[in-house]
Amino acid sequence: AGFLGINLVRQLLESGHRVRALDCAPFDHPERDRVESCVGDVRDRDCVDAAMSGVHWVAHCAAALPLYRAEEIHAVDVDGTRIVLESALAHGVQRVVFISSTAVYGIPDHHPLVETDPLQGVGPYGQAKIDAERICEGFRTRGLCVPVLRPKTFVGPERLGVFSMLYEWASEGHGFPILGGGRNRYQLLDVAD
């Protein structure tokens, strides 16, 4: 699902894996002939069950982003996660990697953040990711292997946003504005990593 999902599919294909992708939109990328694309919604148990059949590992990347309505965020990020995990357990999936977010930490008052920092999600998205992580914990007690990753903002080819402009300015030798004293830190993650 989304930018991370597309790049994960590409990496898995390059590593020789067979890939089945469940997304609300068809996988319409150059690699589409090598991907079994299931069009559907993580909130639809029948659709998830159909996609889950015969699968060994799952990377659960689906999420409604912060710009969505609170009800939509909860339905996709919390209810959808529960459905994915229920289906995985029922189908004997070995591992479900849940993609959470550093949004679970809220607005940090220190850096770097570590896994043991308190969870204080800001807004519906941050809270939904916390709730979904708690659901993952519950499924671990039922025997499902569910590692949770909390990545920061992804950047990479096809998704640089304002950063593409900054990179262009830097490569051309132009200066660009620095906020504050230049000591502000913001973590970005190359999607290839």
Protein backbone atom coordinates (compact mmCIF):
# COMPACT_ATOMS: atom_id res chain seq x y z
CA ALA A 1 0.00 0.00 0.00
CA GLY A 2 1.32 3.40 -0.92
CA PHE A 3 4.87 4.53 -1.49
CA LEU A 4 6.43 2.07 0.96
CA GLY A 5 4.38 -0.84 -0.36
CA ILE A 6 5.33 -0.20 -3.97
CA ASN A 7 9.01 -0.05 -3.10
CA LEU A 8 8.78 -3.11 -0.85
CA VAL A 9 7.20 -5.07 -3.71
CA ARG A 10 10.06 -4.02 -5.99
CA GLN A 11 12.69 -5.05 -3.43
CA LEU A 12 11.04 -8.41 -2.83
CA LEU A 13 10.86 -9.10 -6.56
CA GLU A 14 14.53 -8.17 -6.98
CA SER A 15 15.34 -10.62 -4.17
CA GLY A 16 13.57 -13.43 -6.01
CA HIS A 17 10.37 -13.63 -3.94
CA ARG A 18 6.89 -14.25 -5.28
CA VAL A 19 4.65 -11.34 -4.32
CA ARG A 20 0.94 -10.97 -3.81
CA ALA A 21 -0.18 -7.40 -3.11
CA LEU A 22 -3.48 -6.35 -1.56
CA ASP A 23 -4.30 -2.71 -2.16
CA CYS A 24 -7.37 -0.58 -2.77
CA ALA A 25 -5.98 0.22 -6.22
CA PRO A 26 -4.56 -2.18 -8.83
CA PHE A 27 -0.78 -2.57 -8.85
CA ASP A 28 -0.28 -0.50 -11.99
CA HIS A 29 3.51 -0.23 -12.10
CA PRO A 30 6.10 -1.59 -14.55
CA GLU A 31 6.49 -4.76 -12.44
CA ARG A 32 2.74 -5.55 -12.60
CA ASP A 33 3.24 -8.70 -14.69
CA ARG A 34 5.33 -10.20 -11.88
CA VAL A 35 2.90 -9.36 -9.06
CA GLU A 36 -0.32 -11.10 -8.12
CA SER A 37 -2.49 -8.06 -7.48
CA CYS A 38 -5.55 -8.34 -5.25
CA VAL A 39 -7.70 -5.24 -5.31
CA GLY A 40 -9.56 -4.73 -2.07
CA ASP A 41 -9.68 -3.16 1.35
CA VAL A 42 -8.10 -4.33 4.61
CA ARG A 43 -11.46 -3.65 6.26
CA ASP A 44 -13.10 -6.40 4.17
CA ARG A 45 -12.43 -9.77 5.85
CA ASP A 46 -13.44 -11.82 2.79
CA CYS A 47 -11.07 -9.83 0.60
CA VAL A 48 -8.24 -10.15 3.13
CA ASP A 49 -8.86 -13.90 3.47
CA ALA A 50 -8.68 -14.34 -0.30
CA ALA A 51 -5.37 -12.46 -0.44
CA MET A 52 -3.98 -14.29 2.62
CA SER A 53 -4.54 -17.83 1.34
CA GLY A 54 -1.23 -19.65 0.85
CA VAL A 55 0.89 -16.75 2.09
CA HIS A 56 3.89 -17.27 4.40
CA TRP A 57 4.80 -13.70 5.35
CA VAL A 58 2.90 -10.42 5.34
CA ALA A 59 4.10 -6.82 5.41
CA HIS A 60 1.11 -4.80 6.61
CA CYS A 61 1.69 -1.31 5.20
CA ALA A 62 -1.93 -0.18 4.75
CA ALA A 63 -2.87 3.01 6.57
CA ALA A 64 -5.16 5.99 6.33
CA LEU A 65 -2.88 8.99 6.65
CA PRO A 66 -3.29 11.97 9.00
CA LEU A 67 -5.14 14.02 6.39
CA TYR A 68 -8.07 11.57 6.44
CA ARG A 69 -11.10 11.90 8.74
CA ALA A 70 -10.67 10.43 12.24
CA GLU A 71 -13.29 7.72 11.59
CA GLU A 72 -11.54 6.63 8.41
CA ILE A 73 -8.16 6.54 10.14
CA HIS A 74 -9.53 4.34 12.93
CA ALA A 75 -11.36 2.04 10.52
CA VAL A 76 -8.32 1.43 8.31
CA ASP A 77 -5.47 1.62 10.82
CA VAL A 78 -7.09 -0.13 13.79
CA ASP A 79 -9.97 -2.25 12.48
CA GLY A 80 -8.05 -3.11 9.31
CA THR A 81 -5.04 -4.23 11.33
CA ARG A 82 -7.23 -6.47 13.48
CA ILE A 83 -8.74 -8.06 10.34
CA VAL A 84 -5.31 -8.61 8.76
CA LEU A 85 -4.01 -10.27 11.93
CA GLU A 86 -7.13 -12.42 12.41
CA SER A 87 -6.84 -13.61 8.83
CA ALA A 88 -3.10 -14.26 9.14
CA LEU A 89 -3.65 -16.34 12.26
CA ALA A 90 -6.47 -18.30 10.60
CA HIS A 91 -4.33 -19.00 7.51
CA GLY A 92 -1.19 -20.07 9.40
CA VAL A 93 0.94 -17.14 8.26
CA GLN A 94 4.40 -17.33 9.84
CA ARG A 95 5.03 -13.61 10.34
CA VAL A 96 3.21 -10.29 9.90
CA VAL A 97 5.44 -7.22 9.94
CA PHE A 98 3.32 -4.26 11.04
CA ILE A 99 4.40 -0.86 9.77
CA SER A 100 3.62 1.65 12.49
CA SER A 101 5.07 5.16 12.69
CA THR A 102 7.11 7.43 14.92
CA ALA A 103 3.82 9.33 15.22
CA VAL A 104 3.22 7.08 18.25
CA TYR A 105 5.71 9.24 20.16
CA GLY A 106 3.80 12.47 19.66
CA ILE A 107 5.82 15.66 19.60
CA PRO A 108 9.21 14.67 21.02
CA ASP A 109 10.96 16.73 23.65
CA HIS A 110 14.30 14.99 23.05
CA HIS A 111 16.31 13.19 20.37
CA PRO A 112 17.07 10.50 19.53
CA LEU A 113 13.88 8.63 20.35
CA VAL A 114 14.14 5.00 21.44
CA GLU A 115 11.62 2.15 21.55
CA THR A 116 11.09 2.50 25.29
CA ASP A 117 10.04 6.16 25.11
CA PRO A 118 6.41 6.70 26.16
CA LEU A 119 3.72 6.45 23.51
CA GLN A 120 1.73 9.68 23.27
CA GLY A 121 0.35 9.85 19.76
CA VAL A 122 -0.89 13.22 18.61
CA GLY A 123 -4.21 13.30 16.79
CA PRO A 124 -6.24 10.43 15.36
CA TYR A 125 -3.36 9.02 13.28
CA GLY A 126 -0.87 8.79 16.15
CA GLN A 127 -3.50 7.31 18.46
CA ALA A 128 -4.63 4.82 15.82
CA LYS A 129 -1.06 3.58 15.38
CA ILE A 130 -0.78 3.10 19.16
CA ASP A 131 -4.08 1.20 19.22
CA ALA A 132 -2.97 -0.96 16.28
CA GLU A 133 0.33 -1.75 18.03
CA ARG A 134 -1.65 -2.91 21.08
CA ILE A 135 -3.67 -5.21 18.83
CA CYS A 136 -0.37 -6.60 17.50
CA GLU A 137 0.74 -7.28 21.09
CA GLY A 138 -2.47 -9.23 21.69
CA PHE A 139 -1.87 -11.41 18.64
CA ARG A 140 1.66 -12.16 19.83
CA THR A 141 0.14 -13.76 22.94
CA ARG A 142 -1.88 -15.96 20.57
CA GLY A 143 1.29 -17.23 18.87
CA LEU A 144 1.54 -14.97 15.84
CA CYS A 145 4.95 -13.43 15.17
CA VAL A 146 4.22 -9.70 14.73
CA PRO A 147 7.29 -7.44 14.71
CA VAL A 148 6.46 -3.73 14.67
CA LEU A 149 8.51 -1.17 12.77
CA ARG A 150 8.21 2.56 13.52
CA PRO A 151 9.73 4.34 10.54
CA LYS A 152 9.93 8.08 10.09
CA THR A 153 9.16 9.89 6.85
CA PHE A 154 10.18 7.98 3.71
CA VAL A 155 11.83 9.69 0.79
CA GLY A 156 13.18 8.30 -2.44
CA PRO A 157 12.70 8.27 -6.18
CA GLU A 158 9.14 9.23 -7.09
CA ARG A 159 8.55 10.83 -3.71
CA LEU A 160 10.77 13.68 -2.76
CA GLY A 161 8.20 16.46 -2.50
CA VAL A 162 9.81 19.70 -1.39
CA PHE A 163 13.08 17.81 -0.91
CA SER A 164 13.49 17.44 -4.66
CA MET A 165 13.63 21.22 -4.92
CA LEU A 166 16.16 21.44 -2.08
CA TYR A 167 18.34 18.72 -3.63
CA GLU A 168 18.21 20.50 -6.96
CA TRP A 169 19.23 23.81 -5.38
CA ALA A 170 22.09 22.14 -3.50
CA SER A 171 23.34 20.30 -6.61
CA GLU A 172 23.34 23.59 -8.53
CA GLY A 173 25.30 25.32 -5.78
CA HIS A 174 22.44 27.56 -4.65
CA GLY A 175 21.83 28.32 -1.02
CA PHE A 176 18.52 27.62 0.65
CA PRO A 177 16.94 28.81 3.87
CA ILE A 178 17.82 27.20 7.17
CA LEU A 179 15.34 27.58 10.00
CA GLY A 180 16.70 28.45 13.41
CA GLY A 181 20.42 28.11 14.02
CA GLY A 182 20.79 25.16 11.68
CA ARG A 183 20.75 22.63 14.50
CA ASN A 184 17.23 21.35 13.88
CA ARG A 185 17.20 17.63 13.24
CA TYR A 186 14.64 15.82 11.19
CA GLN A 187 14.93 12.14 10.49
CA LEU A 188 14.20 10.92 6.99
CA LEU A 189 14.49 7.36 5.78
CA ASP A 190 15.48 6.38 2.26
CA VAL A 191 12.77 3.97 1.19
CA ALA A 192 15.47 1.62 -0.19
CA ASP A 193 16.78 1.14 3.35
